[in-house]
């Protein structure tokens, strides 16, 4: 016997007037008559805003009410998702790193050739400058002046008093990872202590790369290269949450890389995925194997760690003039040893973060499947810089160092540059000390500040392993330098150990160590010592460009990663029929004689759930009033899988789904309009499309994780 259901306009947000956001909803089932679908649920608007002491997020945040609910349906409906792809002439990838950045490109007619950008002017002795430092300089009027080495060198040459007026920023990308409540108005702090909008800085940086790349492409083509012919790719860490990815996209819009109307022209690439895509095309001469299981390229793990790497760097230096890298059509020689279903880990260790991803190869095409959600943390090479800063605190006092940064910002930058080149010379087997030049203004300012010399401070500090050299340098013993690396490397190894405990990560064949920090022999040795007996540890040559080259390949074929894992559980708050004994009494809402349970979490997707590319989550919504023009639905997320209510611990509102119904209804507005929404969680960004079922017209959809 069919159960008759009565549907009422349930009010779920008494604290907020929501005339524009009420909707009714359906599940994604195939019932021909939606009016008879047992899974129908309603979302309705409140005309009034009575006060209430009730603290449910659904009510206080103005959530729409949705009633009764069926289990979530996930449908693999790739056909409806295939859009007309614009034909681009070239793919340009920008690797926007914490410490260094660069771009590379490939013409779509020659996908096997990847061109790395022109050499940058400037540079440090002993440091490869195929990428440029992620540093930006604004004039005292806050206008863009320069980027990279040019910014650093100009800032260095400024008179100390003049330098205080200029805004110099470096290592600012980490702000997007560390800011919990990231918005379009988030600030960054320049070296002189002044605040500037983060969005402006990121947009300036992207605009700079856009101009550099288009100029190089135009010079090569012999005529002006149109931006509309470029597919842009920007890399971000895989552990970044949706707001940070959206922030990067907004910065690209502001920089004029692409427009919001042509959003498909920009792809966000996940850094370890890009590295993985490139690594699967490696030939034997393009990598160094650290593990003792086999010798590659004449180098075995029994050699000193770092020796093979030095040889490789020499090989790269000799071949650098071409700037063009050839890649295999399908998969490289390394995969000749792989069988269907084999697994490998990519450890992307950069300046700010370490990102770990686990992939499985699908032969013969070489498609990739993510086996475990991306993990990692703020364990990049910046951690070593922070340890050095702490050492300076210990010797000279935190009050002096903080004051010096503000009063002599350019000299502080010089000191950290001097440390960077010495940091790169650290090695497990090093015996001779490392000398770090102290800027004259440091020595001079310290004497004025304390009334005694830097040498006196070192003698009094009880830091035995740092001495004063008469040439005006700090002389660090190799052990002292190695100690600065230890906390960061320990964090990486611990994180990797946790990952290797997961059942999905057992029987891993390879571990690829990539990113700028992967060049550090101390990190190589630690990874080799901890995991060399479990899998083969491989470092691609020119390891700092691995992500950049992989990002170009991803732009040429965005469908290469076929399956990803959702990092979080996503859903919306809904109403269900109240069941005595099952639902908590405080969730009871009686409306027009019907008993509802509020705040029920309708799950779209679970944390660590496998999602295929093109797989869709379907929901249908109906405006509470036929004339309604906008539907806004709050999205909630959690790191946990077993979520029952949007009020559960760890569940938080993370964004909104906005359906713009203007221009979709035609002349006659039907009494009941059904808007079918299709959400994709299998891409690098969460995407949504919608259609008005009655008119078959497309509905403008926005998913917003920044301004909700």
Foldseek 3Di string as FASTA:
>chain_A
DDDDDDDDQDAFALQDFCQQAWWWWAAPDDDPPRVRDPATWGWHGDRHRDDDPDDDCCHPVVFTFIEDHDAFDWFQDQVVVDDDDDAAQKEKEWEQALFWIFIWMDGLVALQKIFQADFDPDDDPPDDGSTFTQKFKAALVRHGDDGGPVRLVVLLPDDLVRSLSIFMDGSPLCCQVPDPQFFQQDWDAGLQRDIDGPLQSLLVVLLVNVVRVQVVVCVVVVHRDDLVNYQYEYEDALPGDQQSVVSNLSSCCVNVSDHPVPSRSYAYHHQLLLLVLQVQQDEQLQKAWQFQPDGTPNDHVVPQQLPVQVVLQVVCVVVVVVSMGGTDPAGYPVCVPPDAFAKEWEWAAAAFKTKIWMWGFHPDRRFIATQFRIDIGRLHVVLLVVLVVVVCCLQQNPVLVVVCSNSRVSQVVVQVVQVVSQLLVQAPPDFAWGKGARDPVSQVVSCVVPVDGSQVSNVPRPPVQWHADPVRIITGGSVRSVVSSPVSLVRVLVVVVVVCVDPSNANHAEYEYAYPRSSRNSSVVSCNVRCSVRYIYMYGRVRNCSSNSSSNVCSSPVCSHFKHFFQKWKFFWYKYQDDPPPADPSQWDADPNGTIGTQFTRTQHHGRDIFGVSIKGKMKMKHPFLPRFKHKRWMKIASHGDDTGCPDPRIDTQWIKMWGRPPQQPDDRDRIWIKMKIWGRGHSHIDIWIATVVRRHTIDIDIDRHPD
